Protein backbone atom coordinates (compact mmCIF):
# COMPACT_ATOMS: atom_id res chain seq x y z
CA MET A 1 70.07 305.78 378.94
CA TRP A 2 73.08 308.18 380.45
CA ASP A 3 75.37 305.19 380.81
CA LYS A 4 75.14 304.32 377.23
CA VAL A 5 76.15 307.90 375.84
CA THR A 6 78.85 309.80 375.86
CA LEU A 7 78.97 313.05 378.50
CA GLU A 8 78.66 315.54 375.54
CA GLU A 9 76.03 313.45 374.31
CA GLY A 10 74.00 313.20 377.69
CA SER A 11 74.51 317.01 378.26
CA ARG A 12 73.04 318.02 374.74
CA ARG A 13 70.06 315.72 375.59
CA GLU A 14 69.70 316.59 378.90
CA GLN A 15 69.66 320.45 377.18
CA GLU A 16 66.74 319.24 374.82
CA LEU A 17 64.62 318.08 377.80
CA SER A 18 65.32 321.33 379.52
CA ASN A 19 63.78 323.19 376.78
CA ASP A 20 61.03 320.77 376.20
CA ILE A 21 57.66 322.15 376.78
CA LEU A 22 56.67 319.98 379.52
CA PHE A 23 59.74 319.70 381.30
CA LYS A 24 60.25 322.97 381.35
CA THR A 25 56.73 323.97 382.65
CA LEU A 26 57.31 321.28 385.79
CA LEU A 27 61.44 322.35 386.18
CA SER A 28 59.42 325.93 386.13
CA GLY A 29 57.21 324.36 389.06
CA GLY A 30 60.46 323.33 391.04
CA ALA A 31 60.88 319.58 389.57
CA THR A 32 64.89 318.87 389.72
CA MET A 33 66.18 316.77 386.58
CA MET A 34 68.87 314.36 387.82
CA ARG A 35 70.81 311.47 386.03
CA HIS A 36 70.27 307.75 386.18
CA THR A 37 73.03 306.29 384.95
CA GLY A 38 71.76 302.50 385.93
CA SER A 39 73.96 302.35 388.93
CA ARG A 40 73.15 301.44 392.54
CA GLU A 41 75.16 304.70 393.50
CA SER A 42 73.34 307.07 391.03
CA ALA A 43 69.55 305.38 392.16
CA SER A 44 70.94 306.13 395.79
CA THR A 45 71.67 309.32 394.82
CA ILE A 46 67.91 310.01 393.36
CA ILE A 47 66.06 308.03 396.36
CA ASN A 48 68.10 310.47 399.01
CA HIS A 49 66.99 313.61 396.98
CA LEU A 50 63.60 312.48 397.25
CA LEU A 51 63.52 311.48 400.59
CA ARG A 52 65.03 315.40 401.48
CA LEU A 53 61.74 316.53 399.67
CA ASN A 54 59.34 315.36 402.58
CA GLY A 55 57.71 318.45 402.43
CA THR A 56 56.39 318.45 398.88
CA THR A 57 53.10 317.62 398.19
CA ALA A 58 51.41 317.01 395.17
CA GLU A 59 49.12 319.64 394.52
CA ILE A 60 46.14 317.26 393.53
CA ALA A 61 46.89 315.54 397.28
CA ARG A 62 46.63 319.22 398.59
CA GLU A 63 43.58 319.93 397.15
CA LEU A 64 41.89 316.87 397.51
CA VAL A 65 42.70 316.42 401.11
CA ASP A 66 43.38 320.45 402.70
CA LYS A 67 40.80 322.20 400.44
CA LYS A 68 38.57 319.22 400.37
CA LYS A 69 37.60 319.56 396.84
CA GLY A 70 36.06 316.79 394.46
CA LEU A 71 38.43 314.89 392.06
CA GLY A 72 36.48 316.91 389.15
CA GLU A 73 37.40 320.23 391.08
CA THR A 74 41.19 319.71 391.17
CA ALA A 75 43.29 321.30 388.82
CA ALA A 76 43.86 317.51 387.19
CA GLY A 77 40.48 316.61 387.27
CA VAL A 78 39.56 319.97 385.55
CA GLU A 79 42.34 319.13 382.85
CA LEU A 80 40.77 315.59 382.59
CA LEU A 81 37.40 316.60 382.18
CA LYS A 82 38.73 319.21 379.74
CA GLU A 83 40.09 316.04 377.64
CA TYR A 84 37.14 314.06 378.04
CA GLN A 85 34.88 316.98 376.55
CA ALA A 86 37.35 316.81 373.83
CA MET A 87 37.35 313.57 373.08
CA LEU A 88 33.19 313.15 373.62
CA GLU A 89 32.92 316.50 371.23
CA LYS A 90 35.04 314.66 368.58
CA GLN A 91 32.76 311.24 369.07
CA ASN A 92 29.55 313.17 368.31
CA GLN A 93 30.99 314.65 365.54
CA GLU A 94 32.03 311.43 363.95
CA ILE A 95 28.70 310.02 364.90
CA ALA A 96 27.09 312.56 363.27
CA ALA A 97 29.06 312.45 360.27
CA LEU A 98 28.57 308.80 360.13
CA HIS A 99 24.30 309.44 360.51
CA ALA A 100 24.90 311.99 357.16
CA GLU A 101 26.90 309.21 355.74
CA LEU A 102 23.94 306.48 356.72
CA LYS A 103 21.16 309.14 355.54
CA ALA A 104 22.84 309.83 352.16
CA ALA A 105 22.94 305.76 351.20
CA LYS A 106 19.39 305.22 352.53
CA GLU A 107 18.37 308.02 350.16
CA ALA A 108 20.60 306.57 347.36
CA MET A 109 19.56 303.22 348.06
CA ALA A 110 15.58 304.73 347.82
CA GLU A 111 16.30 306.13 344.85
CA ALA A 112 17.25 303.44 343.26
CA ILE A 113 15.10 301.10 344.45
CA LYS A 114 11.97 303.19 343.16
CA GLU A 115 13.99 303.38 340.04
CA GLU A 116 14.25 299.75 339.42
CA THR A 117 9.92 299.73 340.50
CA GLU A 118 8.83 301.72 337.87
CA LYS A 119 11.28 299.57 335.29
CA SER A 120 10.00 296.25 336.61
CA LYS A 121 6.16 297.89 336.56
CA GLU A 122 7.10 299.20 333.06
CA ALA A 123 8.19 295.68 332.21
CA MET A 124 5.35 294.18 333.40
CA ALA A 125 3.03 296.35 331.98
CA LYS A 126 4.37 295.86 328.37
CA VAL A 127 4.43 291.82 328.92
CA GLN A 128 0.56 291.92 330.02
CA LYS A 129 0.07 294.22 327.24
CA GLU A 130 1.82 291.71 324.91
CA ILE A 131 -0.43 288.42 326.80
CA GLU A 132 -3.72 290.57 326.02
CA MET A 133 -2.86 291.20 322.57
CA LEU A 134 -1.72 287.51 321.88
CA ARG A 135 -5.19 286.82 323.70
CA ARG A 136 -7.04 289.02 321.18
CA GLY A 137 -4.76 288.36 318.69
CA SER A 138 -5.31 284.48 318.96
CA THR A 139 -9.16 285.22 318.88
CA GLY A 140 -8.81 287.60 316.12
CA LEU A 141 -6.64 285.47 314.21
CA GLN A 142 -8.99 282.47 314.77
CA ARG A 143 -11.81 284.29 313.24
CA PHE A 144 -9.75 285.50 310.66
CA MET A 145 -7.99 282.37 309.60
CA ARG A 146 -12.06 281.31 309.79
CA GLU A 147 -12.57 283.79 307.69
CA ASP A 148 -9.73 283.50 305.08
CA ALA A 149 -10.73 279.73 305.06
CA ASN A 150 -13.86 280.59 303.76
CA LEU A 151 -12.92 283.09 301.34
CA ILE A 152 -9.74 280.17 300.28
CA LEU A 153 -12.74 277.76 299.93
CA THR A 154 -14.70 280.11 297.98
CA ALA A 155 -11.75 280.92 295.97
CA HIS A 156 -10.90 277.53 295.39
CA SER A 157 -14.48 276.88 294.37
CA SER A 158 -14.55 279.95 291.78
CA TRP A 159 -11.15 278.53 290.55
CA SER A 160 -11.85 275.45 290.29
CA ASN A 161 -15.25 276.68 288.36
CA VAL A 162 -12.44 278.92 286.57
CA ARG A 163 -10.30 276.15 285.78
CA ASP A 164 -13.34 273.75 284.72
CA GLY A 165 -14.47 276.41 282.12
CA MET A 166 -10.91 277.17 280.81
CA GLU A 167 -10.43 273.34 280.40
CA MET A 168 -13.96 273.15 278.31
CA GLY A 169 -13.09 276.70 277.00
CA ILE A 170 -9.65 275.12 275.70
CA SER A 171 -11.93 271.77 274.70
CA LYS A 172 -13.99 274.07 272.50
CA ALA A 173 -10.79 276.37 270.93
CA SER A 174 -8.88 273.23 270.10
CA SER A 175 -11.83 271.23 268.54
CA LYS A 176 -12.97 274.27 266.66
CA HIS A 177 -9.20 275.72 266.52
CA THR A 178 -10.29 278.94 267.36
CA GLY A 179 -9.32 280.91 270.84
CA THR A 180 -12.85 282.22 271.20
CA GLY A 181 -13.71 279.52 273.70
CA LEU A 182 -10.77 280.88 276.13
CA LEU A 183 -11.85 284.55 275.54
CA ALA A 184 -15.67 284.22 276.80
CA ILE A 185 -14.51 282.79 279.94
CA PHE A 186 -12.30 285.93 280.47
CA LYS A 187 -15.08 288.00 279.32
């Protein structure tokens, strides 16, 4: 990167990095910031610097080997455990939220099913009642129709008699040229 920017730009970026919280912590712990320009000479300078630091050991190596700590007891392990715990807690919260959503959805679905079942029962009861009324009505209608047929036949017979009587009365009236025969039928 350093070979692609001007010296001023490189210095400004180096200053920004040295104030960055991560680099600042590393630098305060003894790390050195070095520029690699992409050349063989720049790489050689960095490697020689690292070779002179042969007495420097990573903290995790000291904790594991010298202090005989388990990985989870090292500073790096403790940090990793904290991160994993935070991730686990976040996942547990997400799972709990999903369970709550699922429960609410199930309750809403159960309520909808209950309402639809009630509507279906009401509709079925209404249809059943109508079927029963038709059954009763059909029997009642048949009986009513038989009674009406008898009444109609009786009425027809009566009207036939009336008609016959009227014809006779009209004939009598026309033969006598008076309306008394007609009046006698209706009295």
